[in-house]
Amino acid sequence: MRRAALLITLILFPSIPATPQTQQSPSPMVDHTRPHPRITQTEAKGRRVDLKSLKGARLFIGPRVNPNRPVPLLIHFHGASWLVEQHVARYLPRAALITVNLGAGSSAYRKPFEQPETFQNLLSEASENLGSKRGWASITLSGFSAGYGAVREILRRPEYFALVNNVLLLDGMHASYSPEGKLLADGGTIQASDIDVFVNFARAAVDGGRVAGSRGARGSSPRVSKGVLNSGDAGRKNNGDAGRGGNAGRKTFVVTHSEIFPGAYASTTECADYLLFQLALTRRAQLRQGPMGMQQLSAVDAGGFHLRGYAGNSAPDHIDFLHAMPAWFGLFGVR
């Protein structure tokens, strides 16, 4: 099945052509119980390059990126490039960014990375355009909604699994039911092969991840206007610099999810529960206000693995995760 949040994606990204691949049973698509503040569209200062190795990929290099030093790299899949560029320019100003927008559905993101050379070509072309002298300090993959399809496919290759330091999933981790379409409540199960690579990455983060400390990540602030960050996760960082020196090879995995129930395939909550079961981890209730007015319900922290569950089952609740993305940067320790 391997599809994700199609109806929400089509409504909120109308400029990306797509054809619905399946019918869903979507949750209510409006929410009037609380405001959903949105960041105003502006263009962050920096250089942009459309990458030839993958149509839909764009490199962003902010003015504080120094190619004479090892540069952190964030590759984000799915979501308005201008918004993610704003996030990085403000909170990770020393990092280079590649945004990738390939259409609707996780298969649109999966398919290009079924070719093993695609990811390496993307890294090489970005490095060449940056004029990098000392390589990447760390590599972080993030996926919003359907973007998880690319993250999953990249991690399925052992050489890339070893190369990637950090993963952030923004309300985007889905799987098929087995048998197809049979809900868990009706006796169905989650298709293990759709989740196993995330289980493996989570286990690596639990076993070898750095325990988050209390200091804020360099180049970012735990408190900013419009409630994009809160003083919890945003002010935490892992000790050291991922991908460098003694921390090379260590993993950080951050999973965030809403309560949206697609119906046609396993929800992000169901997939998160499956992940926790495989790791023998238990959620703890953590009722607090999250970023952008979100309502946090639960949390898990184990080594370099962090999970945050939030209330909400509407399209605006889903989009909150993309606008609030910097709230979880502090968990990575990327400088």
Protein backbone atom coordinates (compact mmCIF):
# COMPACT_ATOMS: atom_id res chain seq x y z
CA MET A 1 0.00 0.00 0.00
CA ARG A 2 2.71 2.45 1.11
CA ARG A 3 0.68 5.66 0.84
CA ALA A 4 0.29 8.53 3.29
CA ALA A 5 -2.16 11.31 4.12
CA LEU A 6 -3.25 11.90 0.52
CA LEU A 7 -6.37 13.94 1.13
CA ILE A 8 -4.66 16.29 3.58
CA THR A 9 -1.73 16.69 1.20
CA LEU A 10 -3.93 17.52 -1.78
CA ILE A 11 -5.85 20.16 0.14
CA LEU A 12 -2.78 21.85 1.56
CA PHE A 13 -0.39 21.52 -1.38
CA PRO A 14 -2.60 22.23 -4.40
CA SER A 15 0.34 23.36 -6.51
CA ILE A 16 1.74 19.81 -6.54
CA PRO A 17 -0.09 17.75 -9.16
CA ALA A 18 -1.32 14.42 -7.90
CA THR A 19 -4.02 11.81 -8.35
CA PRO A 20 -5.63 10.20 -5.29
CA GLN A 21 -4.54 6.58 -5.01
CA THR A 22 -7.12 5.32 -2.54
CA GLN A 23 -10.24 6.38 -0.69
CA GLN A 24 -9.84 7.28 2.94
CA SER A 25 -12.06 7.82 5.93
CA PRO A 26 -10.62 11.18 6.91
CA SER A 27 -11.07 12.87 10.26
CA PRO A 28 -12.89 16.22 10.38
CA MET A 29 -10.96 18.65 8.18
CA VAL A 30 -11.63 21.80 10.20
CA ASP A 31 -10.92 22.76 13.79
CA HIS A 32 -12.38 25.72 15.67
CA THR A 33 -11.42 24.77 19.23
CA ARG A 34 -8.12 26.69 19.20
CA PRO A 35 -6.19 29.01 16.90
CA HIS A 36 -3.58 27.52 14.58
CA PRO A 37 -1.02 30.32 14.09
CA ARG A 38 0.92 30.27 10.84
CA ILE A 39 4.33 31.69 9.99
CA THR A 40 4.18 34.48 7.41
CA GLN A 41 5.78 33.61 4.09
CA THR A 42 9.02 35.51 3.56
CA GLU A 43 12.23 34.60 1.77
CA ALA A 44 15.15 33.83 4.04
CA LYS A 45 18.49 35.32 3.04
CA GLY A 46 20.71 32.82 1.30
CA ARG A 47 21.63 31.11 -1.95
CA ARG A 48 19.35 28.57 -3.62
CA VAL A 49 20.28 25.93 -6.18
CA ASP A 50 17.89 23.55 -7.94
CA LEU A 51 19.72 20.23 -7.87
CA LYS A 52 19.96 18.28 -11.12
CA SER A 53 20.36 14.89 -9.47
CA LEU A 54 16.72 14.92 -8.31
CA LYS A 55 13.96 17.05 -9.78
CA GLY A 56 12.16 18.74 -6.92
CA ALA A 57 15.27 19.04 -4.72
CA ARG A 58 16.59 22.49 -3.77
CA LEU A 59 19.74 23.37 -1.89
CA PHE A 60 19.64 26.36 0.50
CA ILE A 61 22.87 27.89 1.82
CA GLY A 62 22.46 30.62 4.42
CA PRO A 63 24.99 33.43 4.90
CA ARG A 64 26.46 31.85 8.06
CA VAL A 65 27.28 28.49 6.46
CA ASN A 66 31.07 28.09 6.36
CA PRO A 67 32.28 25.63 3.70
CA ASN A 68 35.79 25.72 5.19
CA ARG A 69 34.49 23.83 8.22
CA PRO A 70 32.47 20.61 8.47
CA VAL A 71 28.87 21.62 7.69
CA PRO A 72 25.75 20.01 9.19
CA LEU A 73 23.29 18.95 6.48
CA LEU A 74 19.52 18.71 6.88
CA ILE A 75 17.51 17.03 4.12
CA HIS A 76 13.78 17.63 4.48
CA PHE A 77 11.13 15.75 2.52
CA HIS A 78 7.69 17.27 1.81
CA GLY A 79 6.54 20.74 2.73
CA ALA A 80 6.91 24.32 1.51
CA SER A 81 10.57 25.05 0.88
CA TRP A 82 10.30 28.68 2.01
CA LEU A 83 9.02 27.60 5.41
CA VAL A 84 11.74 25.04 6.10
CA GLU A 85 14.35 27.52 4.84
CA GLN A 86 13.05 30.04 7.38
CA HIS A 87 13.35 27.45 10.14
CA VAL A 88 16.93 26.57 9.25
CA ALA A 89 18.05 30.16 8.65
CA ARG A 90 16.83 31.15 12.10
CA TYR A 91 17.55 28.12 14.26
CA LEU A 92 20.29 26.19 12.43
CA PRO A 93 22.14 29.03 10.66
CA ARG A 94 25.35 27.04 10.21
CA ALA A 95 23.57 24.14 8.51
CA ALA A 96 23.00 23.56 4.80
CA LEU A 97 19.51 22.49 3.76
CA ILE A 98 18.06 20.42 0.95
CA THR A 99 14.28 20.50 0.59
CA VAL A 100 12.65 17.80 -1.54
CA ASN A 101 9.08 18.04 -2.87
CA LEU A 102 8.00 15.22 -5.16
CA GLY A 103 4.18 15.17 -5.01
CA ALA A 104 1.49 13.39 -3.03
CA GLY A 105 1.71 10.02 -1.34
CA SER A 106 4.67 8.24 0.21
CA SER A 107 5.32 6.25 -2.98
CA ALA A 108 6.25 9.49 -4.78
CA TYR A 109 9.05 9.88 -2.24
CA ARG A 110 10.00 6.24 -2.07
CA LYS A 111 10.47 5.50 -5.74
CA PRO A 112 13.44 7.78 -6.57
CA PHE A 113 15.43 6.32 -3.69
CA GLU A 114 14.87 2.76 -4.82
CA GLN A 115 17.81 3.59 -7.08
CA PRO A 116 20.78 3.28 -4.71
CA GLU A 117 22.77 6.05 -6.37
CA THR A 118 20.10 8.74 -5.92
CA PHE A 119 20.93 9.61 -2.33
CA GLN A 120 24.69 9.63 -2.87
CA ASN A 121 24.30 11.80 -5.98
CA LEU A 122 22.21 14.24 -3.97
CA LEU A 123 24.90 14.48 -1.31
CA SER A 124 27.69 14.87 -3.85
CA GLU A 125 25.95 17.56 -5.88
CA ALA A 126 25.08 19.52 -2.74
CA SER A 127 28.68 19.33 -1.54
CA GLU A 128 29.98 20.50 -4.91
CA ASN A 129 27.63 23.48 -5.03
CA LEU A 130 28.49 24.39 -1.46
CA GLY A 131 32.21 24.21 -2.20
CA SER A 132 32.64 22.06 0.88
CA LYS A 133 36.25 21.64 1.96
CA ARG A 134 35.79 19.33 4.94
CA GLY A 135 32.61 17.37 4.29
CA TRP A 136 29.45 17.04 6.34
CA ALA A 137 29.54 17.41 10.12
CA SER A 138 26.30 15.43 10.39
CA ILE A 139 23.43 14.29 8.21
CA THR A 140 19.85 14.71 9.40
CA LEU A 141 16.80 13.43 7.53
CA SER A 142 13.37 14.89 8.26
CA GLY A 143 10.03 13.96 6.77
CA PHE A 144 6.67 15.63 7.11
CA SER A 145 3.56 13.60 6.30
CA ALA A 146 4.22 11.57 3.13
CA GLY A 147 7.92 12.50 3.22
CA TYR A 148 8.58 9.54 5.48
CA GLY A 149 8.55 7.37 2.33
CA ALA A 150 11.93 8.77 1.28
CA VAL A 151 13.40 8.52 4.76
CA ARG A 152 12.37 4.89 5.05
CA GLU A 153 13.78 3.93 1.66
CA ILE A 154 17.11 5.66 2.33
CA LEU A 155 17.51 3.93 5.69
CA ARG A 156 16.82 0.53 4.12
CA ARG A 157 20.30 0.61 2.59
CA PRO A 158 22.92 -0.35 5.22
CA GLU A 159 25.49 2.12 3.94
CA TYR A 160 23.06 5.01 4.29
CA PHE A 161 21.70 3.74 7.60
CA ALA A 162 25.26 4.00 8.92
CA LEU A 163 25.77 7.44 7.37
CA VAL A 164 22.66 9.14 8.76
CA ASN A 165 23.02 10.63 12.25
CA ASN A 166 19.53 11.97 12.96
CA VAL A 167 15.95 11.40 11.85
CA LEU A 168 12.92 13.60 12.55
CA LEU A 169 9.42 12.43 11.56
CA LEU A 170 6.74 15.12 11.67
CA ASP A 171 3.37 13.38 11.95
CA GLY A 172 4.51 11.03 9.22
CA MET A 173 5.02 7.31 9.81
CA HIS A 174 2.45 5.02 8.26
CA ALA A 175 2.11 1.38 7.32
CA SER A 176 -0.33 -0.97 5.65
CA TYR A 177 -2.74 -3.09 7.63
CA SER A 178 -2.43 -6.84 7.24
CA PRO A 179 -4.63 -8.12 5.70
CA GLU A 180 -4.94 -5.02 3.53
CA GLY A 181 -7.53 -2.62 4.93
CA LYS A 182 -8.37 -4.66 8.04
CA LEU A 183 -8.27 -2.31 11.03
CA LEU A 184 -6.51 -3.25 14.25
CA ALA A 185 -9.87 -3.13 16.03
CA ASP A 186 -11.15 -5.77 13.60
CA GLY A 187 -8.24 -8.14 14.15
CA GLY A 188 -5.80 -6.73 11.60
CA THR A 189 -2.12 -6.16 12.28
CA ILE A 190 0.47 -3.65 11.13
CA GLN A 191 2.60 -4.74 8.18
CA ALA A 192 5.95 -5.22 9.94
CA SER A 193 8.06 -4.68 6.81
CA ASP A 194 6.73 -1.11 6.57
CA ILE A 195 8.05 -0.22 10.02
CA ASP A 196 11.05 -2.48 10.64
CA VAL A 197 13.70 -0.06 9.41
CA PHE A 198 12.35 2.59 11.79
CA VAL A 199 12.41 0.04 14.60
CA ASN A 200 16.07 -0.67 13.81
CA PHE A 201 16.98 3.03 13.74
CA ALA A 202 15.10 3.62 16.98
CA ARG A 203 16.89 0.70 18.61
CA ALA A 204 20.25 2.10 17.49
CA ALA A 205 19.26 5.47 18.98
CA VAL A 206 18.21 3.88 22.27
CA ASP A 207 21.37 1.78 22.52
CA GLY A 208 23.93 4.33 21.37
CA GLY A 209 22.22 7.70 21.50
CA ARG A 210 23.53 10.51 23.62
CA VAL A 211 21.42 11.40 26.63
CA ALA A 212 19.91 14.83 26.16
CA GLY A 213 21.15 17.52 28.51
CA SER A 214 19.62 20.78 29.63
CA ARG A 215 21.52 23.35 27.59
CA GLY A 216 20.13 24.97 24.47
CA ALA A 217 21.48 24.12 21.04
CA ARG A 218 23.95 26.68 19.73
CA GLY A 219 22.40 29.00 17.20
CA SER A 220 18.86 28.52 18.45
CA SER A 221 16.71 29.89 21.22
CA PRO A 222 14.27 27.97 23.42
CA ARG A 223 11.82 30.87 23.30
CA VAL A 224 10.71 32.69 20.18
CA SER A 225 7.73 34.70 19.03
CA LYS A 226 4.44 33.12 17.98
CA GLY A 227 5.11 30.11 20.18
CA VAL A 228 7.09 28.22 17.54
CA LEU A 229 9.33 26.86 20.28
CA ASN A 230 8.62 26.10 23.89
CA SER A 231 11.11 25.86 26.72
CA GLY A 232 10.96 22.06 26.86
CA ASP A 233 12.40 20.10 23.94
CA ALA A 234 13.71 23.22 22.20
CA GLY A 235 16.07 23.90 25.06
CA ARG A 236 17.53 20.40 25.14
CA LYS A 237 20.43 19.11 23.15
CA ASN A 238 22.61 16.06 23.00
CA ASN A 239 26.14 16.34 24.26
CA GLY A 240 28.73 16.79 21.54
CA ASP A 241 28.33 17.23 17.82
CA ALA A 242 26.65 14.38 15.95
CA GLY A 243 28.75 12.78 13.25
CA ARG A 244 32.06 14.16 14.53
CA GLY A 245 34.84 12.75 16.67
CA GLY A 246 33.74 10.35 19.40
CA ASN A 247 30.08 10.73 18.48
CA ALA A 248 30.44 9.51 14.90
CA GLY A 249 27.86 6.86 14.09
CA ARG A 250 25.55 7.63 17.01
CA LYS A 251 21.88 8.08 16.26
CA THR A 252 19.08 10.38 17.35
CA PHE A 253 15.50 9.58 16.34
CA VAL A 254 12.62 11.96 17.06
CA VAL A 255 9.06 10.82 16.31
CA THR A 256 6.09 13.19 16.59
CA HIS A 257 2.47 12.34 15.90
CA SER A 258 -1.12 13.59 16.08
CA GLU A 259 -4.32 11.61 16.63
CA ILE A 260 -5.45 11.64 12.99
CA PHE A 261 -6.97 8.32 11.91
CA PRO A 262 -6.77 7.85 8.12
CA GLY A 263 -8.75 4.60 8.07
CA ALA A 264 -7.23 3.14 4.92
CA TYR A 265 -3.84 2.47 6.53
CA ALA A 266 -2.24 2.58 9.99
CA SER A 267 -2.17 5.97 11.66
CA THR A 268 0.92 7.68 13.02
CA THR A 269 -0.32 6.86 16.54
CA GLU A 270 -0.72 3.17 15.73
CA CYS A 271 2.71 3.05 14.11
CA ALA A 272 4.26 4.83 17.08
CA ASP A 273 2.62 2.33 19.44
CA TYR A 274 3.99 -0.54 17.34
CA LEU A 275 7.46 1.02 17.51
CA LEU A 276 7.29 1.35 21.29
CA PHE A 277 6.09 -2.24 21.67
CA GLN A 278 9.04 -3.53 19.66
CA LEU A 279 11.42 -1.50 21.83
CA ALA A 280 9.69 -2.48 25.10
CA LEU A 281 9.19 1.21 25.91
CA THR A 282 6.17 2.80 27.57
CA ARG A 283 4.68 6.24 27.08
CA ARG A 284 4.42 8.56 30.03
CA ALA A 285 1.56 11.00 30.25
CA GLN A 286 2.83 14.54 29.78
CA LEU A 287 0.01 17.03 29.50
CA ARG A 288 1.43 20.39 28.53
CA GLN A 289 1.14 23.13 25.96
CA GLY A 290 3.36 22.43 23.00
CA PRO A 291 4.68 24.66 20.21
CA MET A 292 2.25 26.71 18.08
CA GLY A 293 -0.49 26.13 20.66
CA MET A 294 -0.34 22.35 20.22
CA GLN A 295 -1.45 20.17 23.12
CA GLN A 296 1.10 17.54 24.11
CA LEU A 297 -0.26 14.33 25.59
CA SER A 298 2.68 11.95 25.99
CA ALA A 299 6.42 11.54 25.76
CA VAL A 300 9.12 8.87 25.67
CA ASP A 301 12.85 9.50 26.11
CA ALA A 302 15.36 6.66 25.96
CA GLY A 303 18.95 7.43 25.01
CA GLY A 304 18.80 9.14 21.64
CA PHE A 305 15.18 8.15 21.00
CA HIS A 306 12.44 10.71 21.66
CA LEU A 307 8.71 10.45 20.98
CA ARG A 308 6.11 13.18 21.43
CA GLY A 309 2.36 12.59 21.06
CA TYR A 310 -0.05 15.48 20.50
CA ALA A 311 -3.81 15.96 20.48
CA GLY A 312 -5.68 16.79 17.29
CA ASN A 313 -7.37 14.95 14.42
CA SER A 314 -7.85 17.65 11.79
CA ALA A 315 -5.87 19.01 8.85
CA PRO A 316 -4.79 22.16 10.77
CA ASP A 317 -3.44 19.92 13.56
CA HIS A 318 -1.41 18.06 10.95
CA ILE A 319 0.07 21.22 9.42
CA ASP A 320 1.01 22.49 12.88
CA PHE A 321 3.90 20.00 12.88
CA LEU A 322 5.55 21.60 9.86
CA HIS A 323 5.23 25.13 11.23
CA ALA A 324 6.48 23.97 14.65
CA MET A 325 9.42 21.99 13.24
CA PRO A 326 12.18 23.92 15.11
CA ALA A 327 10.62 22.87 18.43
CA TRP A 328 12.42 19.53 18.13
CA PHE A 329 15.77 20.73 16.70
CA GLY A 330 17.21 20.95 20.21
CA LEU A 331 17.02 17.18 20.62
CA PHE A 332 19.63 16.65 17.90
CA GLY A 333 22.53 18.76 19.12
CA VAL A 334 23.17 19.93 15.55
CA ARG A 335 25.13 23.19 15.60
